[in-house]
PDB file of N, CA and C in Angstrom:
ATOM      1  N   MET A   1      90.220 123.593  88.525  1.00  0.00           N
ATOM      2  CA  MET A   1      90.683 122.219  88.545  1.00  0.00           C
ATOM      3  C   MET A   1      92.013 122.086  87.821  1.00  0.00           C
ATOM      4  N   LYS A   2      92.136 122.812  86.714  1.00  0.00           N
ATOM      5  CA  LYS A   2      93.367 122.750  85.944  1.00  0.00           C
ATOM      6  C   LYS A   2      94.548 123.269  86.760  1.00  0.00           C
ATOM      7  N   GLN A   3      94.309 124.322  87.566  1.00  0.00           N
ATOM      8  CA  GLN A   3      95.372 124.868  88.403  1.00  0.00           C
ATOM      9  C   GLN A   3      95.822 123.857  89.456  1.00  0.00           C
ATOM     10  N   LEU A   4      94.897 123.105  90.000  1.00  0.00           N
ATOM     11  CA  LEU A   4      95.240 122.098  90.997  1.00  0.00           C
ATOM     12  C   LEU A   4      96.109 121.015  90.385  1.00  0.00           C
ATOM     13  N   ILE A   5      95.774 120.567  89.201  1.00  0.00           N
ATOM     14  CA  ILE A   5      96.566 119.536  88.529  1.00  0.00           C
ATOM     15  C   ILE A   5      97.964 120.055  88.227  1.00  0.00           C
ATOM     16  N   GLN A   6      98.055 121.302  87.773  1.00  0.00           N
ATOM     17  CA  GLN A   6      99.361 121.894  87.511  1.00  0.00           C
ATOM     18  C   GLN A   6     100.173 122.021  88.798  1.00  0.00           C
ATOM     19  N   ARG A   7      99.497 122.370  89.867  1.00  0.00           N
ATOM     20  CA  ARG A   7     100.167 122.535  91.160  1.00  0.00           C
ATOM     21  C   ARG A   7     100.698 121.205  91.676  1.00  0.00           C
ATOM     22  N   VAL A   8      99.918 120.148  91.537  1.00  0.00           N
ATOM     23  CA  VAL A   8     100.351 118.834  92.001  1.00  0.00           C
ATOM     24  C   VAL A   8     101.523 118.328  91.156  1.00  0.00           C
ATOM     25  N   ASN A   9     101.517 118.643  89.873  1.00  0.00           N
ATOM     26  CA  ASN A   9     102.583 118.189  88.983  1.00  0.00           C
ATOM     27  C   ASN A   9     103.828 119.065  89.036  1.00  0.00           C
ATOM     28  N   ALA A  10     103.750 120.247  89.656  1.00  0.00           N
ATOM     29  CA  ALA A  10     104.896 121.158  89.756  1.00  0.00           C
ATOM     30  C   ALA A  10     105.917 120.596  90.748  1.00  0.00           C
ATOM     31  N   PRO A  11     107.171 121.038  90.629  1.00  0.00           N
ATOM     32  CA  PRO A  11     108.201 120.566  91.574  1.00  0.00           C
ATOM     33  C   PRO A  11     107.856 120.949  93.020  1.00  0.00           C
ATOM     34  N   THR A  12     108.053 120.006  93.914  1.00  0.00           N
ATOM     35  CA  THR A  12     107.774 120.220  95.336  1.00  0.00           C
ATOM     36  C   THR A  12     109.072 120.607  96.043  1.00  0.00           C
ATOM     37  N   PRO A  13     109.055 121.623  96.905  1.00  0.00           N
ATOM     38  CA  PRO A  13     110.267 121.989  97.650  1.00  0.00           C
ATOM     39  C   PRO A  13     110.757 120.833  98.527  1.00  0.00           C
ATOM     40  N   LYS A  14     112.054 120.839  98.788  1.00  0.00           N
ATOM     41  CA  LYS A  14     112.697 119.755  99.541  1.00  0.00           C
ATOM     42  C   LYS A  14     112.054 119.544 100.920  1.00  0.00           C
ATOM     43  N   PHE A  15     111.775 120.643 101.627  1.00  0.00           N
ATOM     44  CA  PHE A  15     111.178 120.548 102.968  1.00  0.00           C
ATOM     45  C   PHE A  15     109.834 119.828 102.917  1.00  0.00           C
ATOM     46  N   PHE A  16     109.012 120.172 101.924  1.00  0.00           N
ATOM     47  CA  PHE A  16     107.693 119.564 101.835  1.00  0.00           C
ATOM     48  C   PHE A  16     107.757 118.116 101.355  1.00  0.00           C
ATOM     49  N   LYS A  17     108.801 117.752 100.629  1.00  0.00           N
ATOM     50  CA  LYS A  17     108.995 116.348 100.268  1.00  0.00           C
ATOM     51  C   LYS A  17     109.243 115.519 101.520  1.00  0.00           C
ATOM     52  N   LYS A  18     110.044 116.073 102.440  1.00  0.00           N
ATOM     53  CA  LYS A  18     110.306 115.374 103.702  1.00  0.00           C
ATOM     54  C   LYS A  18     109.025 115.251 104.520  1.00  0.00           C
ATOM     55  N   LEU A  19     108.246 116.340 104.585  1.00  0.00           N
ATOM     56  CA  LEU A  19     106.982 116.287 105.328  1.00  0.00           C
ATOM     57  C   LEU A  19     106.030 115.261 104.719  1.00  0.00           C
ATOM     58  N   ARG A  20     105.982 115.198 103.397  1.00  0.00           N
ATOM     59  CA  ARG A  20     105.106 114.235 102.717  1.00  0.00           C
ATOM     60  C   ARG A  20     105.519 112.810 103.069  1.00  0.00           C
ATOM     61  N   THR A  21     106.827 112.557 103.070  1.00  0.00           N
ATOM     62  CA  THR A  21     107.329 111.224 103.411  1.00  0.00           C
ATOM     63  C   THR A  21     106.996 110.866 104.853  1.00  0.00           C
ATOM     64  N   ILE A  22     107.160 111.813 105.758  1.00  0.00           N
ATOM     65  CA  ILE A  22     106.817 111.581 107.166  1.00  0.00           C
ATOM     66  C   ILE A  22     105.320 111.293 107.300  1.00  0.00           C
ATOM     67  N   GLY A  23     104.505 112.061 106.584  1.00  0.00           N
ATOM     68  CA  GLY A  23     103.057 111.843 106.623  1.00  0.00           C
ATOM     69  C   GLY A  23     102.670 110.463 106.121  1.00  0.00           C
ATOM     70  N   LEU A  24     103.302 110.022 105.039  1.00  0.00           N
ATOM     71  CA  LEU A  24     102.996 108.691 104.507  1.00  0.00           C
ATOM     72  C   LEU A  24     103.435 107.590 105.468  1.00  0.00           C
ATOM     73  N   ALA A  25     104.584 107.786 106.111  1.00  0.00           N
ATOM     74  CA  ALA A  25     105.056 106.799 107.086  1.00  0.00           C
ATOM     75  C   ALA A  25     104.121 106.732 108.296  1.00  0.00           C
ATOM     76  N   LEU A  26     103.681 107.891 108.782  1.00  0.00           N
ATOM     77  CA  LEU A  26     102.734 107.904 109.906  1.00  0.00           C
ATOM     78  C   LEU A  26     101.416 107.244 109.529  1.00  0.00           C
ATOM     79  N   ALA A  27     100.975 107.464 108.302  1.00  0.00           N
ATOM     80  CA  ALA A  27      99.731 106.834 107.846  1.00  0.00           C
ATOM     81  C   ALA A  27      99.876 105.315 107.829  1.00  0.00           C
ATOM     82  N   ALA A  28     101.028 104.834 107.399  1.00  0.00           N
ATOM     83  CA  ALA A  28     101.261 103.386 107.372  1.00  0.00           C
ATOM     84  C   ALA A  28     101.263 102.797 108.781  1.00  0.00           C
ATOM     85  N   VAL A  29     101.913 103.490 109.709  1.00  0.00           N
ATOM     86  CA  VAL A  29     101.959 103.012 111.097  1.00  0.00           C
ATOM     87  C   VAL A  29     100.560 103.020 111.705  1.00  0.00           C
ATOM     88  N   ALA A  30      99.825 104.102 111.496  1.00  0.00           N
ATOM     89  CA  ALA A  30      98.478 104.203 112.059  1.00  0.00           C
ATOM     90  C   ALA A  30      97.550 103.138 111.485  1.00  0.00           C
ATOM     91  N   THR A  31      97.671 102.879 110.199  1.00  0.00           N
ATOM     92  CA  THR A  31      96.838 101.846 109.578  1.00  0.00           C
ATOM     93  C   THR A  31      97.182 100.471 110.128  1.00  0.00           C
ATOM     94  N   THR A  32      98.462 100.225 110.325  1.00  0.00           N
ATOM     95  CA  THR A  32      98.888  98.941 110.880  1.00  0.00           C
ATOM     96  C   THR A  32      98.338  98.748 112.289  1.00  0.00           C
ATOM     97  N   ILE A  33      98.389  99.792 113.089  1.00  0.00           N
ATOM     98  CA  ILE A  33      97.870  99.700 114.461  1.00  0.00           C
ATOM     99  C   ILE A  33      96.356  99.493 114.442  1.00  0.00           C
ATOM    100  N   ALA A  34      95.662 100.236 113.585  1.00  0.00           N
ATOM    101  CA  ALA A  34      94.200 100.130 113.546  1.00  0.00           C
ATOM    102  C   ALA A  34      93.745  98.760 113.045  1.00  0.00           C
ATOM    103  N   ALA A  35      94.533  98.144 112.180  1.00  0.00           N
ATOM    104  CA  ALA A  35      94.144  96.849 111.609  1.00  0.00           C
ATOM    105  C   ALA A  35      94.842  95.675 112.291  1.00  0.00           C
ATOM    106  N   ALA A  36      95.438  95.901 113.434  1.00  0.00           N
ATOM    107  CA  ALA A  36      96.169  94.847 114.136  1.00  0.00           C
ATOM    108  C   ALA A  36      95.239  93.685 114.489  1.00  0.00           C
ATOM    109  N   PRO A  37      95.717  92.466 114.295  1.00  0.00           N
ATOM    110  CA  PRO A  37      94.870  91.302 114.581  1.00  0.00           C
ATOM    111  C   PRO A  37      94.741  90.990 116.075  1.00  0.00           C
ATOM    112  N   VAL A  38      95.453  91.720 116.916  1.00  0.00           N
ATOM    113  CA  VAL A  38      95.356  91.506 118.357  1.00  0.00           C
ATOM    114  C   VAL A  38      94.450  92.570 118.964  1.00  0.00           C
ATOM    115  N   ALA A  39      93.926  92.272 120.114  1.00  0.00           N
ATOM    116  CA  ALA A  39      93.047  93.228 120.791  1.00  0.00           C
ATOM    117  C   ALA A  39      93.888  94.327 121.439  1.00  0.00           C
ATOM    118  N   LEU A  40      93.603  95.549 121.047  1.00  0.00           N
ATOM    119  CA  LEU A  40      94.291  96.711 121.619  1.00  0.00           C
ATOM    120  C   LEU A  40      93.271  97.573 122.341  1.00  0.00           C
ATOM    121  N   PRO A  41      93.725  98.347 123.314  1.00  0.00           N
ATOM    122  CA  PRO A  41      92.790  99.248 124.001  1.00  0.00           C
ATOM    123  C   PRO A  41      92.147 100.229 123.011  1.00  0.00           C
ATOM    124  N   ALA A  42      90.926 100.601 123.314  1.00  0.00           N
ATOM    125  CA  ALA A  42      90.169 101.484 122.423  1.00  0.00           C
ATOM    126  C   ALA A  42      90.856 102.829 122.235  1.00  0.00           C
ATOM    127  N   VAL A  43      91.536 103.302 123.256  1.00  0.00           N
ATOM    128  CA  VAL A  43      92.214 104.595 123.167  1.00  0.00           C
ATOM    129  C   VAL A  43      93.308 104.548 122.096  1.00  0.00           C
ATOM    130  N   ILE A  44      94.044 103.465 122.045  1.00  0.00           N
ATOM    131  CA  ILE A  44      95.120 103.333 121.060  1.00  0.00           C
ATOM    132  C   ILE A  44      94.545 103.305 119.649  1.00  0.00           C
ATOM    133  N   ILE A  45      93.457 102.606 119.459  1.00  0.00           N
ATOM    134  CA  ILE A  45      92.830 102.536 118.128  1.00  0.00           C
ATOM    135  C   ILE A  45      92.285 103.916 117.738  1.00  0.00           C
ATOM    136  N   LYS A  46      91.714 104.620 118.691  1.00  0.00           N
ATOM    137  CA  LYS A  46      91.178 105.957 118.411  1.00  0.00           C
ATOM    138  C   LYS A  46      92.298 106.925 118.036  1.00  0.00           C
ATOM    139  N   VAL A  47      93.401 106.886 118.774  1.00  0.00           N
ATOM    140  CA  VAL A  47      94.551 107.739 118.474  1.00  0.00           C
ATOM    141  C   VAL A  47      95.128 107.388 117.106  1.00  0.00           C
ATOM    142  N   ALA A  48      95.186 106.117 116.776  1.00  0.00           N
ATOM    143  CA  ALA A  48      95.684 105.695 115.460  1.00  0.00           C
ATOM    144  C   ALA A  48      94.805 106.254 114.349  1.00  0.00           C
ATOM    145  N   GLY A  49      93.513 106.309 114.579  1.00  0.00           N
ATOM    146  CA  GLY A  49      92.607 106.894 113.593  1.00  0.00           C
ATOM    147  C   GLY A  49      92.863 108.378 113.399  1.00  0.00           C
ATOM    148  N   TYR A  50      93.083 109.091 114.499  1.00  0.00           N
ATOM    149  CA  TYR A  50      93.392 110.523 114.406  1.00  0.00           C
ATOM    150  C   TYR A  50      94.717 110.749 113.681  1.00  0.00           C
ATOM    151  N   ILE A  51      95.704 109.925 113.974  1.00  0.00           N
ATOM    152  CA  ILE A  51      97.004 110.049 113.314  1.00  0.00           C
ATOM    153  C   ILE A  51      96.869 109.769 111.819  1.00  0.00           C
ATOM    154  N   ALA A  52      96.058 108.791 111.463  1.00  0.00           N
ATOM    155  CA  ALA A  52      95.856 108.474 110.047  1.00  0.00           C
ATOM    156  C   ALA A  52      95.249 109.657 109.301  1.00  0.00           C
ATOM    157  N   VAL A  53      94.261 110.288 109.897  1.00  0.00           N
ATOM    158  CA  VAL A  53      93.632 111.450 109.245  1.00  0.00           C
ATOM    159  C   VAL A  53      94.618 112.616 109.151  1.00  0.00           C
ATOM    160  N   ALA A  54      95.305 112.899 110.235  1.00  0.00           N
ATOM    161  CA  ALA A  54      96.255 114.020 110.245  1.00  0.00           C
ATOM    162  C   ALA A  54      97.396 113.793 109.254  1.00  0.00           C
ATOM    163  N   SER A  55      97.887 112.574 109.175  1.00  0.00           N
ATOM    164  CA  SER A  55      98.980 112.296 108.250  1.00  0.00           C
ATOM    165  C   SER A  55      98.508 112.361 106.800  1.00  0.00           C
ATOM    166  N   GLY A  56      97.276 111.994 106.545  1.00  0.00           N
ATOM    167  CA  GLY A  56      96.726 112.128 105.198  1.00  0.00           C
ATOM    168  C   GLY A  56      96.627 113.578 104.778  1.00  0.00           C
ATOM    169  N   VAL A  57      96.176 114.421 105.693  1.00  0.00           N
ATOM    170  CA  VAL A  57      96.099 115.855 105.406  1.00  0.00           C
ATOM    171  C   VAL A  57      97.504 116.429 105.211  1.00  0.00           C
ATOM    172  N   LEU A  58      98.441 116.039 106.067  1.00  0.00           N
ATOM    173  CA  LEU A  58      99.819 116.500 105.947  1.00  0.00           C
ATOM    174  C   LEU A  58     100.408 116.130 104.591  1.00  0.00           C
ATOM    175  N   SER A  59     100.205 114.917 104.159  1.00  0.00           N
ATOM    176  CA  SER A  59     100.726 114.473 102.862  1.00  0.00           C
ATOM    177  C   SER A  59     100.080 115.224 101.705  1.00  0.00           C
ATOM    178  N   ALA A  60      98.791 115.417 101.779  1.00  0.00           N
ATOM    179  CA  ALA A  60      98.081 116.120 100.687  1.00  0.00           C
ATOM    180  C   ALA A  60      98.508 117.575 100.594  1.00  0.00           C
ATOM    181  N   VAL A  61      98.610 118.249 101.721  1.00  0.00           N
ATOM    182  CA  VAL A  61      99.030 119.651 101.708  1.00  0.00           C
ATOM    183  C   VAL A  61     100.470 119.773 101.239  1.00  0.00           C
ATOM    184  N   SER A  62     101.318 118.864 101.669  1.00  0.00           N
ATOM    185  CA  SER A  62     102.714 118.898 101.262  1.00  0.00           C
ATOM    186  C   SER A  62     102.866 118.674  99.762  1.00  0.00           C
ATOM    187  N   GLN A  63     102.022 117.846  99.194  1.00  0.00           N
ATOM    188  CA  GLN A  63     102.102 117.569  97.766  1.00  0.00           C
ATOM    189  C   GLN A  63     101.727 118.798  96.935  1.00  0.00           C
ATOM    190  N   THR A  64     100.858 119.647  97.432  1.00  0.00           N
ATOM    191  CA  THR A  64     100.426 120.802  96.654  1.00  0.00           C
ATOM    192  C   THR A  64     101.291 122.037  96.875  1.00  0.00           C
ATOM    193  N   ALA A  65     102.296 121.959  97.741  1.00  0.00           N
ATOM    194  CA  ALA A  65     103.215 123.084  97.932  1.00  0.00           C
ATOM    195  C   ALA A  65     104.120 123.196  96.710  1.00  0.00           C
ATOM    196  N   VAL A  66     104.368 124.417  96.251  1.00  0.00           N
ATOM    197  CA  VAL A  66     105.231 124.630  95.076  1.00  0.00           C
ATOM    198  C   VAL A  66     106.313 125.646  95.403  1.00  0.00           C
ATOM    199  N   GLU A  67     107.363 125.623  94.602  1.00  0.00           N
ATOM    200  CA  GLU A  67     108.457 126.585  94.741  1.00  0.00           C
ATOM    201  C   GLU A  67     107.950 127.981  94.447  1.00  0.00           C
ATOM    202  N   GLY A  68     108.460 128.973  95.169  1.00  0.00           N
ATOM    203  CA  GLY A  68     108.109 130.366  94.918  1.00  0.00           C
ATOM    204  C   GLY A  68     108.685 130.846  93.594  1.00  0.00           C
ATOM    205  N   GLU A  69     108.080 131.872  93.036  1.00  0.00           N
ATOM    206  CA  GLU A  69     108.546 132.360  91.739  1.00  0.00           C
ATOM    207  C   GLU A  69     109.522 133.499  91.888  1.00  0.00           C
TER     208      GLU A  69
END
């Protein structure tokens, strides 16, 4: 557990910072679509759910990437 905390707090490479930002933006878009107050086709809501999960994983993995030694 201590290694994970150190890894999350370590500097993140530039490429993975961009991926993390993209993942967070996709999560925001997917959440907005899933919570839309208008009726949308079920396929769109299902795809938004998949995008939300994938973007969450992308952001989490990107956050734990560290610079090589």
